[in-house]
Amino acid sequence: MNKYHIPLLPGHYYHIYNHAVGSDNLFREPQNYLFFLEKFKEYLTGWLTVYTYCLLPNHFHFLVRMNDVEVDENESLLSPNINKLFADMASKQFNCLFKSYSQSYNKFYYRRGNLFMQNFKRIEVDSDDYFVTLVLYIHFNPINHEITKYLDDWEYSSYPEILDPEPGNISCCEVLKWFGNTETFIKMHERNLFLHAKDDLDYISKK
């Protein structure tokens, strides 16, 4: 199954990402990033938990866990249908997010046409190693794309948010548990310099 049609099943982890069409940017100025995150909350709160994210001028990455679906004993036999319904509705929520953001963006910048690639990609995160590598990869995107030299310099990323004593939309405690503790989380990011991040890119691209 290709990266455009993997079902977003309840209780599963996914790397979700998308890109602007052609040479366009999704975000031209700071208010765009903040508006997109507000729209993300509006359309996807209740559907998933965000563990890591990074917004770049022309694309974005999210590491998420789709929420569980509660069923009683009478519904258990229908679970495949329930899972399919959840997956279809979750994908629809993402598409509604992209459509809503695009409409506002186009209106504000006097632009026409599609803004996002038509089909967003999703890859299931199926191991602890992949989860940890993906967190590092997502956080290092601004460095890999030569937007900034230091993780702390890019505010449209979950890295500073995870380390903030008053976290916002990220499941910070859960992310830190995957690394063991905050100290290990920081040290692994510090060791994961530019060349190591490129190795992560190779690992991610093979998934």
N, C-alpha and C. Protein backbone atom coordinates (compact mmCIF):
# COMPACT_ATOMS: atom_id res chain seq x y z
N MET A 1 0.85 -1.20 0.00
CA MET A 1 0.00 0.00 0.00
C MET A 1 0.88 1.25 0.00
N ASN A 2 0.58 2.21 -0.87
CA ASN A 2 1.45 3.37 -0.97
C ASN A 2 1.20 4.35 0.17
N LYS A 3 2.05 5.38 0.23
CA LYS A 3 2.06 6.31 1.36
C LYS A 3 0.86 7.25 1.36
N TYR A 4 0.04 7.20 0.30
CA TYR A 4 -1.11 8.09 0.24
C TYR A 4 -2.39 7.43 0.75
N HIS A 5 -2.39 6.12 0.89
CA HIS A 5 -3.63 5.42 1.20
C HIS A 5 -3.53 4.50 2.42
N ILE A 6 -2.48 4.60 3.20
CA ILE A 6 -2.40 3.82 4.42
C ILE A 6 -3.50 4.30 5.36
N PRO A 7 -4.36 3.41 5.85
CA PRO A 7 -5.46 3.85 6.73
C PRO A 7 -4.95 4.33 8.08
N LEU A 8 -5.55 5.39 8.58
CA LEU A 8 -5.19 5.95 9.89
C LEU A 8 -6.01 5.23 10.96
N LEU A 9 -5.50 4.10 11.42
CA LEU A 9 -6.26 3.24 12.33
C LEU A 9 -6.17 3.70 13.78
N PRO A 10 -7.21 3.49 14.55
CA PRO A 10 -7.20 3.88 15.97
C PRO A 10 -6.06 3.22 16.73
N GLY A 11 -5.39 3.99 17.58
CA GLY A 11 -4.33 3.45 18.42
C GLY A 11 -2.99 3.26 17.74
N HIS A 12 -2.88 3.62 16.46
CA HIS A 12 -1.63 3.45 15.72
C HIS A 12 -0.90 4.79 15.60
N TYR A 13 0.43 4.68 15.47
CA TYR A 13 1.29 5.87 15.35
C TYR A 13 1.62 6.10 13.88
N TYR A 14 1.70 7.38 13.49
CA TYR A 14 1.98 7.70 12.08
C TYR A 14 2.87 8.93 11.95
N HIS A 15 3.69 8.89 10.92
CA HIS A 15 4.41 10.06 10.45
C HIS A 15 3.56 10.64 9.32
N ILE A 16 3.06 11.84 9.51
CA ILE A 16 2.18 12.49 8.54
C ILE A 16 2.86 13.75 8.02
N TYR A 17 2.89 13.90 6.72
CA TYR A 17 3.56 15.06 6.15
C TYR A 17 2.94 15.44 4.81
N ASN A 18 3.15 16.69 4.45
CA ASN A 18 2.63 17.18 3.18
C ASN A 18 3.49 18.36 2.72
N HIS A 19 3.32 18.74 1.46
CA HIS A 19 4.18 19.74 0.81
C HIS A 19 3.31 20.68 -0.01
N ALA A 20 3.77 21.89 -0.18
CA ALA A 20 3.08 22.83 -1.06
C ALA A 20 3.23 22.38 -2.51
N VAL A 21 2.30 22.79 -3.35
CA VAL A 21 2.40 22.47 -4.77
C VAL A 21 3.51 23.31 -5.40
N GLY A 22 4.20 22.71 -6.34
CA GLY A 22 5.23 23.44 -7.09
C GLY A 22 6.25 24.10 -6.19
N SER A 23 6.53 25.36 -6.48
CA SER A 23 7.52 26.11 -5.72
C SER A 23 6.87 27.05 -4.70
N ASP A 24 5.59 26.88 -4.48
CA ASP A 24 4.89 27.73 -3.51
C ASP A 24 5.32 27.43 -2.08
N ASN A 25 5.02 28.34 -1.19
CA ASN A 25 5.20 28.13 0.24
C ASN A 25 3.85 27.99 0.92
N LEU A 26 3.82 27.18 1.96
CA LEU A 26 2.62 27.07 2.79
C LEU A 26 2.54 28.21 3.79
N PHE A 27 3.72 28.69 4.19
CA PHE A 27 3.81 29.71 5.24
C PHE A 27 4.76 30.82 4.77
N ARG A 28 4.24 32.03 4.67
CA ARG A 28 5.04 33.16 4.20
C ARG A 28 5.53 34.04 5.35
N GLU A 29 4.80 34.04 6.45
CA GLU A 29 5.14 34.92 7.57
C GLU A 29 4.68 34.26 8.87
N PRO A 30 5.16 34.74 10.01
CA PRO A 30 4.88 34.08 11.29
C PRO A 30 3.41 33.80 11.55
N GLN A 31 2.53 34.71 11.18
CA GLN A 31 1.11 34.52 11.47
C GLN A 31 0.55 33.30 10.74
N ASN A 32 1.15 32.92 9.61
CA ASN A 32 0.68 31.74 8.87
C ASN A 32 0.90 30.46 9.67
N TYR A 33 2.08 30.33 10.27
CA TYR A 33 2.39 29.14 11.07
C TYR A 33 1.41 29.00 12.23
N LEU A 34 1.17 30.11 12.91
CA LEU A 34 0.29 30.09 14.07
C LEU A 34 -1.15 29.79 13.66
N PHE A 35 -1.56 30.34 12.53
CA PHE A 35 -2.92 30.11 12.04
C PHE A 35 -3.11 28.64 11.67
N PHE A 36 -2.09 28.05 11.04
CA PHE A 36 -2.18 26.64 10.66
C PHE A 36 -2.31 25.76 11.91
N LEU A 37 -1.54 26.04 12.95
CA LEU A 37 -1.62 25.25 14.17
C LEU A 37 -2.99 25.40 14.84
N GLU A 38 -3.56 26.58 14.75
CA GLU A 38 -4.92 26.78 15.28
C GLU A 38 -5.93 25.95 14.49
N LYS A 39 -5.78 25.93 13.18
CA LYS A 39 -6.66 25.13 12.33
C LYS A 39 -6.46 23.63 12.60
N PHE A 40 -5.21 23.24 12.83
CA PHE A 40 -4.92 21.84 13.14
C PHE A 40 -5.69 21.42 14.39
N LYS A 41 -5.65 22.25 15.42
CA LYS A 41 -6.39 21.96 16.65
C LYS A 41 -7.89 21.91 16.39
N GLU A 42 -8.37 22.84 15.58
CA GLU A 42 -9.81 22.92 15.31
C GLU A 42 -10.33 21.65 14.66
N TYR A 43 -9.59 21.11 13.70
CA TYR A 43 -10.08 19.97 12.93
C TYR A 43 -9.65 18.60 13.47
N LEU A 44 -8.59 18.56 14.28
CA LEU A 44 -8.05 17.25 14.65
C LEU A 44 -8.03 16.96 16.15
N THR A 45 -8.39 17.94 16.95
CA THR A 45 -8.52 17.66 18.38
C THR A 45 -9.59 16.59 18.58
N GLY A 46 -9.28 15.58 19.36
CA GLY A 46 -10.20 14.47 19.57
C GLY A 46 -9.94 13.29 18.65
N TRP A 47 -9.17 13.52 17.59
CA TRP A 47 -8.85 12.45 16.64
C TRP A 47 -7.47 11.86 16.88
N LEU A 48 -6.57 12.66 17.42
CA LEU A 48 -5.19 12.19 17.55
C LEU A 48 -4.47 12.92 18.67
N THR A 49 -3.30 12.40 19.01
CA THR A 49 -2.38 13.04 19.95
C THR A 49 -1.10 13.36 19.20
N VAL A 50 -0.64 14.59 19.33
CA VAL A 50 0.60 15.01 18.65
C VAL A 50 1.79 14.78 19.57
N TYR A 51 2.83 14.13 19.05
CA TYR A 51 4.05 13.89 19.81
C TYR A 51 5.19 14.80 19.35
N THR A 52 5.26 15.03 18.08
CA THR A 52 6.33 15.86 17.52
C THR A 52 5.82 16.52 16.24
N TYR A 53 6.28 17.73 15.98
CA TYR A 53 5.91 18.38 14.73
C TYR A 53 6.99 19.38 14.33
N CYS A 54 6.98 19.76 13.08
CA CYS A 54 7.82 20.84 12.59
C CYS A 54 7.17 21.41 11.34
N LEU A 55 7.02 22.73 11.32
CA LEU A 55 6.49 23.42 10.16
C LEU A 55 7.63 24.16 9.48
N LEU A 56 7.82 23.90 8.20
CA LEU A 56 8.81 24.59 7.38
C LEU A 56 8.07 25.44 6.35
N PRO A 57 8.76 26.39 5.71
CA PRO A 57 8.05 27.26 4.76
C PRO A 57 7.21 26.52 3.72
N ASN A 58 7.72 25.41 3.17
CA ASN A 58 6.97 24.76 2.09
C ASN A 58 6.47 23.35 2.43
N HIS A 59 6.65 22.90 3.67
CA HIS A 59 6.13 21.58 4.04
C HIS A 59 6.04 21.45 5.55
N PHE A 60 5.49 20.33 6.01
CA PHE A 60 5.38 20.10 7.45
C PHE A 60 5.50 18.61 7.76
N HIS A 61 5.79 18.32 9.02
CA HIS A 61 5.86 16.94 9.53
C HIS A 61 5.14 16.88 10.86
N PHE A 62 4.41 15.78 11.08
CA PHE A 62 3.81 15.49 12.38
C PHE A 62 4.03 14.03 12.72
N LEU A 63 4.34 13.75 13.98
CA LEU A 63 4.35 12.39 14.52
C LEU A 63 3.16 12.32 15.47
N VAL A 64 2.21 11.46 15.15
CA VAL A 64 0.96 11.43 15.92
C VAL A 64 0.57 10.00 16.28
N ARG A 65 -0.29 9.89 17.24
CA ARG A 65 -0.98 8.64 17.56
C ARG A 65 -2.46 8.88 17.41
N MET A 66 -3.11 8.08 16.57
CA MET A 66 -4.56 8.22 16.41
C MET A 66 -5.24 7.73 17.69
N ASN A 67 -6.27 8.42 18.09
CA ASN A 67 -6.96 8.07 19.34
C ASN A 67 -7.66 6.72 19.23
N ASP A 68 -7.87 6.10 20.38
CA ASP A 68 -8.59 4.83 20.43
C ASP A 68 -10.08 5.05 20.21
N VAL A 69 -10.75 4.00 19.77
CA VAL A 69 -12.20 4.01 19.63
C VAL A 69 -12.77 3.02 20.62
N GLU A 70 -13.64 3.49 21.48
CA GLU A 70 -14.25 2.61 22.47
C GLU A 70 -15.46 1.90 21.88
N VAL A 71 -15.49 0.58 22.04
CA VAL A 71 -16.63 -0.22 21.56
C VAL A 71 -17.07 -1.14 22.69
N ASP A 72 -18.36 -1.41 22.75
CA ASP A 72 -18.84 -2.36 23.76
C ASP A 72 -18.85 -3.76 23.16
N GLU A 73 -19.27 -4.75 23.94
CA GLU A 73 -19.21 -6.14 23.50
C GLU A 73 -20.05 -6.38 22.25
N ASN A 74 -21.17 -5.70 22.14
CA ASN A 74 -22.04 -5.90 20.98
C ASN A 74 -21.44 -5.36 19.70
N GLU A 75 -20.51 -4.41 19.84
CA GLU A 75 -19.90 -3.79 18.66
C GLU A 75 -18.59 -4.44 18.26
N SER A 76 -18.06 -5.31 19.12
CA SER A 76 -16.71 -5.84 18.89
C SER A 76 -16.61 -6.60 17.58
N LEU A 77 -17.69 -7.29 17.19
CA LEU A 77 -17.67 -8.04 15.94
C LEU A 77 -17.61 -7.13 14.73
N LEU A 78 -17.97 -5.86 14.90
CA LEU A 78 -17.97 -4.92 13.79
C LEU A 78 -16.71 -4.07 13.76
N SER A 79 -15.71 -4.42 14.59
CA SER A 79 -14.52 -3.58 14.71
C SER A 79 -13.84 -3.27 13.39
N PRO A 80 -13.73 -4.22 12.45
CA PRO A 80 -13.12 -3.84 11.15
C PRO A 80 -13.87 -2.70 10.48
N ASN A 81 -15.22 -2.74 10.56
CA ASN A 81 -16.01 -1.66 9.96
C ASN A 81 -15.82 -0.36 10.72
N ILE A 82 -15.74 -0.47 12.05
CA ILE A 82 -15.54 0.72 12.88
C ILE A 82 -14.18 1.33 12.57
N ASN A 83 -13.15 0.50 12.44
CA ASN A 83 -11.81 0.99 12.12
C ASN A 83 -11.78 1.68 10.77
N LYS A 84 -12.46 1.09 9.80
CA LYS A 84 -12.50 1.69 8.46
C LYS A 84 -13.22 3.04 8.51
N LEU A 85 -14.32 3.08 9.24
CA LEU A 85 -15.07 4.33 9.35
C LEU A 85 -14.22 5.40 10.01
N PHE A 86 -13.50 5.02 11.09
CA PHE A 86 -12.62 5.97 11.77
C PHE A 86 -11.54 6.47 10.82
N ALA A 87 -10.90 5.54 10.09
CA ALA A 87 -9.82 5.91 9.17
C ALA A 87 -10.31 6.86 8.09
N ASP A 88 -11.50 6.57 7.53
CA ASP A 88 -12.06 7.43 6.48
C ASP A 88 -12.37 8.82 7.03
N MET A 89 -12.93 8.87 8.22
CA MET A 89 -13.31 10.16 8.80
C MET A 89 -12.07 10.95 9.22
N ALA A 90 -11.04 10.26 9.72
CA ALA A 90 -9.80 10.94 10.11
C ALA A 90 -9.13 11.56 8.89
N SER A 91 -9.08 10.81 7.80
CA SER A 91 -8.51 11.35 6.56
C SER A 91 -9.31 12.56 6.07
N LYS A 92 -10.62 12.47 6.22
CA LYS A 92 -11.47 13.58 5.82
C LYS A 92 -11.18 14.82 6.66
N GLN A 93 -10.92 14.62 7.95
CA GLN A 93 -10.60 15.75 8.82
C GLN A 93 -9.33 16.45 8.36
N PHE A 94 -8.32 15.66 7.97
CA PHE A 94 -7.09 16.25 7.45
C PHE A 94 -7.38 17.04 6.17
N ASN A 95 -8.17 16.47 5.29
CA ASN A 95 -8.47 17.17 4.04
C ASN A 95 -9.27 18.45 4.29
N CYS A 96 -10.14 18.42 5.30
CA CYS A 96 -10.89 19.63 5.66
C CYS A 96 -9.94 20.69 6.20
N LEU A 97 -8.95 20.25 6.98
CA LEU A 97 -7.93 21.17 7.49
C LEU A 97 -7.22 21.86 6.33
N PHE A 98 -6.74 21.08 5.37
CA PHE A 98 -6.00 21.64 4.25
C PHE A 98 -6.88 22.57 3.42
N LYS A 99 -8.12 22.19 3.22
CA LYS A 99 -9.03 23.01 2.43
C LYS A 99 -9.32 24.34 3.12
N SER A 100 -9.58 24.27 4.42
CA SER A 100 -9.90 25.48 5.18
C SER A 100 -8.72 26.44 5.22
N TYR A 101 -7.53 25.89 5.49
CA TYR A 101 -6.33 26.74 5.53
C TYR A 101 -6.07 27.35 4.15
N SER A 102 -6.20 26.54 3.10
CA SER A 102 -5.94 27.02 1.74
C SER A 102 -6.88 28.14 1.35
N GLN A 103 -8.14 28.00 1.70
CA GLN A 103 -9.11 29.03 1.35
C GLN A 103 -8.77 30.36 2.02
N SER A 104 -8.39 30.29 3.31
CA SER A 104 -8.02 31.51 4.03
C SER A 104 -6.74 32.10 3.46
N TYR A 105 -5.78 31.24 3.17
CA TYR A 105 -4.48 31.66 2.62
C TYR A 105 -4.67 32.34 1.27
N ASN A 106 -5.43 31.68 0.40
CA ASN A 106 -5.65 32.22 -0.94
C ASN A 106 -6.37 33.57 -0.90
N LYS A 107 -7.35 33.68 -0.02
CA LYS A 107 -8.09 34.93 0.11
C LYS A 107 -7.18 36.05 0.59
N PHE A 108 -6.33 35.75 1.57
CA PHE A 108 -5.46 36.76 2.16
C PHE A 108 -4.39 37.23 1.19
N TYR A 109 -3.84 36.29 0.39
CA TYR A 109 -2.75 36.63 -0.51
C TYR A 109 -3.20 36.77 -1.98
N TYR A 110 -4.51 36.86 -2.19
CA TYR A 110 -5.05 37.03 -3.55
C TYR A 110 -4.49 35.94 -4.48
N ARG A 111 -4.61 34.73 -4.03
CA ARG A 111 -4.06 33.58 -4.74
C ARG A 111 -5.18 32.64 -5.15
N ARG A 112 -4.95 31.82 -6.20
CA ARG A 112 -5.93 30.85 -6.64
C ARG A 112 -5.29 29.47 -6.78
N GLY A 113 -6.12 28.45 -6.72
CA GLY A 113 -5.64 27.09 -6.97
C GLY A 113 -5.25 26.35 -5.71
N ASN A 114 -4.84 25.09 -5.91
CA ASN A 114 -4.44 24.24 -4.80
C ASN A 114 -3.18 24.78 -4.13
N LEU A 115 -3.11 24.64 -2.84
CA LEU A 115 -1.93 25.04 -2.09
C LEU A 115 -1.12 23.83 -1.65
N PHE A 116 -1.81 22.79 -1.17
CA PHE A 116 -1.16 21.57 -0.73
C PHE A 116 -1.15 20.54 -1.85
N MET A 117 -0.18 19.62 -1.79
CA MET A 117 -0.24 18.45 -2.65
C MET A 117 -1.56 17.75 -2.37
N GLN A 118 -2.17 17.20 -3.39
CA GLN A 118 -3.53 16.69 -3.27
C GLN A 118 -3.66 15.59 -2.21
N ASN A 119 -2.72 14.68 -2.16
CA ASN A 119 -2.78 13.58 -1.19
C ASN A 119 -1.65 13.70 -0.19
N PHE A 120 -2.00 13.77 1.10
CA PHE A 120 -0.97 13.85 2.12
C PHE A 120 -0.41 12.45 2.40
N LYS A 121 0.86 12.40 2.76
CA LYS A 121 1.53 11.12 3.00
C LYS A 121 1.43 10.74 4.46
N ARG A 122 1.40 9.43 4.69
CA ARG A 122 1.40 8.91 6.04
C ARG A 122 2.15 7.58 6.06
N ILE A 123 3.00 7.41 7.06
CA ILE A 123 3.77 6.18 7.23
C ILE A 123 3.55 5.69 8.65
N GLU A 124 3.22 4.43 8.82
CA GLU A 124 3.00 3.91 10.17
C GLU A 124 4.33 3.77 10.90
N VAL A 125 4.36 4.19 12.14
CA VAL A 125 5.55 4.07 12.99
C VAL A 125 5.40 2.76 13.76
N ASP A 126 6.22 1.78 13.41
CA ASP A 126 5.98 0.41 13.89
C ASP A 126 7.04 -0.12 14.84
N SER A 127 7.92 0.76 15.36
CA SER A 127 8.93 0.29 16.31
C SER A 127 9.41 1.45 17.17
N ASP A 128 9.99 1.12 18.33
CA ASP A 128 10.54 2.14 19.22
C ASP A 128 11.69 2.88 18.55
N ASP A 129 12.54 2.13 17.84
CA ASP A 129 13.69 2.76 17.17
C ASP A 129 13.22 3.78 16.13
N TYR A 130 12.20 3.40 15.40
CA TYR A 130 11.68 4.31 14.38
C TYR A 130 11.08 5.55 15.03
N PHE A 131 10.38 5.37 16.14
CA PHE A 131 9.79 6.51 16.84
C PHE A 131 10.87 7.51 17.25
N VAL A 132 11.92 7.02 17.90
CA VAL A 132 12.99 7.90 18.39
C VAL A 132 13.71 8.57 17.22
N THR A 133 14.02 7.80 16.18
CA THR A 133 14.70 8.36 15.01
C THR A 133 13.83 9.42 14.33
N LEU A 134 12.53 9.17 14.30
CA LEU A 134 11.62 10.10 13.65
C LEU A 134 11.52 11.41 14.44
N VAL A 135 11.52 11.33 15.76
CA VAL A 135 11.51 12.55 16.57
C VAL A 135 12.73 13.41 16.24
N LEU A 136 13.90 12.77 16.19
CA LEU A 136 15.13 13.49 15.86
C LEU A 136 15.07 14.06 14.45
N TYR A 137 14.62 13.25 13.52
CA TYR A 137 14.54 13.68 12.12
C TYR A 137 13.63 14.90 11.97
N ILE A 138 12.47 14.85 12.57
CA ILE A 138 11.52 15.96 12.46
C ILE A 138 12.09 17.23 13.07
N HIS A 139 12.70 17.10 14.24
CA HIS A 139 13.25 18.29 14.90
C HIS A 139 14.44 18.88 14.15
N PHE A 140 15.16 18.03 13.40
CA PHE A 140 16.34 18.52 12.68
C PHE A 140 16.02 19.03 11.28
N ASN A 141 14.75 19.03 10.89
CA ASN A 141 14.39 19.52 9.56
C ASN A 141 14.86 20.94 9.28
N PRO A 142 14.70 21.89 10.20
CA PRO A 142 15.16 23.26 9.92
C PRO A 142 16.67 23.34 9.69
N ILE A 143 17.42 22.46 10.35
CA ILE A 143 18.87 22.43 10.16
C ILE A 143 19.21 21.75 8.84
N ASN A 144 18.56 20.64 8.57
CA ASN A 144 18.82 19.93 7.31
C ASN A 144 18.51 20.78 6.09
N HIS A 145 17.50 21.64 6.20
CA HIS A 145 17.12 22.50 5.09
C HIS A 145 17.80 23.87 5.16
N GLU A 146 18.77 23.98 6.05
CA GLU A 146 19.60 25.17 6.19
C GLU A 146 18.77 26.44 6.45
N ILE A 147 17.70 26.28 7.22
CA ILE A 147 16.89 27.42 7.62
C ILE A 147 17.46 28.04 8.89
N THR A 148 18.02 27.19 9.75
CA THR A 148 18.63 27.66 10.98
C THR A 148 19.80 26.73 11.34
N LYS A 149 20.65 27.18 12.24
CA LYS A 149 21.80 26.36 12.65
C LYS A 149 21.57 25.64 13.96
N TYR A 150 20.59 26.09 14.73
CA TYR A 150 20.37 25.53 16.06
C TYR A 150 18.89 25.21 16.26
N LEU A 151 18.63 24.13 16.96
CA LEU A 151 17.26 23.69 17.19
C LEU A 151 16.43 24.75 17.90
N ASP A 152 17.03 25.43 18.86
CA ASP A 152 16.31 26.42 19.65
C ASP A 152 15.91 27.65 18.84
N ASP A 153 16.52 27.83 17.66
CA ASP A 153 16.26 29.02 16.87
C ASP A 153 14.98 28.93 16.04
N TRP A 154 14.42 27.72 15.94
CA TRP A 154 13.22 27.55 15.11
C TRP A 154 12.02 27.31 16.02
N GLU A 155 11.13 28.29 16.09
CA GLU A 155 10.03 28.23 17.05
C GLU A 155 8.82 27.45 16.57
N TYR A 156 8.79 27.09 15.27
CA TYR A 156 7.63 26.37 14.75
C TYR A 156 7.90 24.86 14.74
N SER A 157 8.36 24.40 15.87
CA SER A 157 8.76 23.01 16.07
C SER A 157 8.40 22.62 17.49
N SER A 158 8.22 21.34 17.71
CA SER A 158 7.87 20.85 19.05
C SER A 158 9.08 20.76 19.97
N TYR A 159 10.30 20.93 19.44
CA TYR A 159 11.48 20.80 20.29
C TYR A 159 11.45 21.77 21.47
N PRO A 160 11.32 23.07 21.26
CA PRO A 160 11.26 23.97 22.42
C PRO A 160 10.01 23.76 23.26
N GLU A 161 8.93 23.33 22.62
CA GLU A 161 7.68 23.14 23.35
C GLU A 161 7.77 21.96 24.31
N ILE A 162 8.47 20.90 23.90
CA ILE A 162 8.63 19.73 24.75
C ILE A 162 9.44 20.06 25.99
N LEU A 163 10.40 20.97 25.84
CA LEU A 163 11.27 21.35 26.96
C LEU A 163 10.68 22.48 27.80
N ASP A 164 9.57 23.04 27.36
CA ASP A 164 8.94 24.14 28.09
C ASP A 164 8.26 23.60 29.35
N PRO A 165 8.46 24.22 30.49
CA PRO A 165 7.82 23.74 31.72
C PRO A 165 6.31 23.86 31.70
N GLU A 166 5.78 24.65 30.80
CA GLU A 166 4.34 24.78 30.64
C GLU A 166 3.97 24.41 29.21
N PRO A 167 3.99 23.10 28.88
CA PRO A 167 3.77 22.65 27.51
C PRO A 167 2.37 22.98 27.02
N GLY A 168 2.26 23.07 25.69
CA GLY A 168 0.98 23.41 25.08
C GLY A 168 0.26 22.23 24.51
N ASN A 169 0.44 21.99 23.21
CA ASN A 169 -0.37 21.00 22.50
C ASN A 169 0.32 19.65 22.34
N ILE A 170 1.50 19.50 22.89
CA ILE A 170 2.29 18.29 22.67
C ILE A 170 2.23 17.38 23.89
N SER A 171 2.20 16.08 23.64
CA SER A 171 2.25 15.12 24.73
C SER A 171 3.70 14.97 25.17
N CYS A 172 4.19 16.01 25.88
CA CYS A 172 5.61 16.11 26.21
C CYS A 172 6.11 14.95 27.07
N CYS A 173 5.37 14.62 28.10
CA CYS A 173 5.80 13.57 29.01
C CYS A 173 5.97 12.24 28.28
N GLU A 174 5.05 11.94 27.37
CA GLU A 174 5.13 10.70 26.62
C GLU A 174 6.37 10.67 25.72
N VAL A 175 6.66 11.79 25.07
CA VAL A 175 7.84 11.84 24.21
C VAL A 175 9.10 11.62 25.04
N LEU A 176 9.20 12.29 26.17
CA LEU A 176 10.38 12.16 27.02
C LEU A 176 10.55 10.74 27.53
N LYS A 177 9.44 10.05 27.78
CA LYS A 177 9.51 8.66 28.24
C LYS A 177 10.17 7.76 27.20
N TRP A 178 9.94 8.05 25.91
CA TRP A 178 10.54 7.23 24.86
C TRP A 178 12.07 7.39 24.86
N PHE A 179 12.53 8.53 25.34
CA PHE A 179 13.97 8.78 25.42
C PHE A 179 14.54 8.43 26.79
N GLY A 180 13.69 8.17 27.75
CA GLY A 180 14.12 7.84 29.10
C GLY A 180 13.87 8.98 30.07
N ASN A 181 14.39 10.15 29.73
CA ASN A 181 14.20 11.34 30.56
C ASN A 181 14.60 12.58 29.76
N THR A 182 14.42 13.74 30.38
CA THR A 182 14.70 15.00 29.68
C THR A 182 16.18 15.13 29.34
N GLU A 183 17.04 14.72 30.24
CA GLU A 183 18.48 14.84 30.00
C GLU A 183 18.90 14.03 28.78
N THR A 184 18.41 12.80 28.68
CA THR A 184 18.75 11.96 27.53
C THR A 184 18.17 12.55 26.25
N PHE A 185 16.96 13.08 26.34
CA PHE A 185 16.32 13.71 25.18
C PHE A 185 17.21 14.83 24.64
N ILE A 186 17.70 15.68 25.53
CA ILE A 186 18.54 16.80 25.11
C ILE A 186 19.87 16.31 24.55
N LYS A 187 20.50 15.35 25.25
CA LYS A 187 21.81 14.85 24.81
C LYS A 187 21.73 14.19 23.44
N MET A 188 20.66 13.42 23.18
CA MET A 188 20.53 12.76 21.88
C MET A 188 20.35 13.79 20.77
N HIS A 189 19.66 14.87 21.07
CA HIS A 189 19.52 15.93 20.07
C HIS A 189 20.84 16.66 19.86
N GLU A 190 21.58 16.88 20.93
CA GLU A 190 22.87 17.57 20.81
C GLU A 190 23.86 16.73 20.02
N ARG A 191 23.81 15.41 20.19
CA ARG A 191 24.74 14.53 19.47
C ARG A 191 24.34 14.36 18.01
N ASN A 192 23.06 14.57 17.75
CA ASN A 192 22.56 14.34 16.40
C ASN A 192 22.84 15.55 15.53
N LEU A 193 24.11 15.79 15.25
CA LEU A 193 24.52 16.95 14.47
C LEU A 193 24.12 16.78 13.01
N PHE A 194 24.47 17.74 12.20
CA PHE A 194 23.99 17.79 10.82
C PHE A 194 24.22 16.49 10.05
N LEU A 195 25.43 15.95 10.10
CA LEU A 195 25.73 14.74 9.34
C LEU A 195 24.93 13.56 9.85
N HIS A 196 24.73 13.48 11.17
CA HIS A 196 23.94 12.40 11.73
C HIS A 196 22.48 12.54 11.31
N ALA A 197 22.01 13.78 11.23
CA ALA A 197 20.65 14.02 10.79
C ALA A 197 20.46 13.55 9.36
N LYS A 198 21.50 13.69 8.54
CA LYS A 198 21.43 13.20 7.17
C LYS A 198 21.30 11.68 7.16
N ASP A 199 21.97 10.99 8.08
CA ASP A 199 21.81 9.55 8.20
C ASP A 199 20.38 9.19 8.57
N ASP A 200 19.78 10.00 9.45
CA ASP A 200 18.38 9.78 9.81
C ASP A 200 17.49 9.93 8.59
N LEU A 201 17.81 10.89 7.74
CA LEU A 201 17.03 11.11 6.53
C LEU A 201 17.04 9.86 5.66
N ASP A 202 18.20 9.22 5.53
CA ASP A 202 18.30 7.99 4.76
C ASP A 202 17.44 6.89 5.37
N TYR A 203 17.46 6.81 6.71
CA TYR A 203 16.68 5.79 7.41
C TYR A 203 15.19 6.02 7.21
N ILE A 204 14.77 7.28 7.34
CA ILE A 204 13.35 7.62 7.19
C ILE A 204 12.88 7.35 5.76
N SER A 205 13.72 7.69 4.78
CA SER A 205 13.33 7.57 3.39
C SER A 205 13.11 6.12 2.97
N LYS A 206 13.68 5.18 3.71
CA LYS A 206 13.54 3.77 3.37
C LYS A 206 12.26 3.17 3.94
N LYS A 207 11.56 3.91 4.80
CA LYS A 207 10.35 3.40 5.41
C LYS A 207 9.18 3.41 4.42
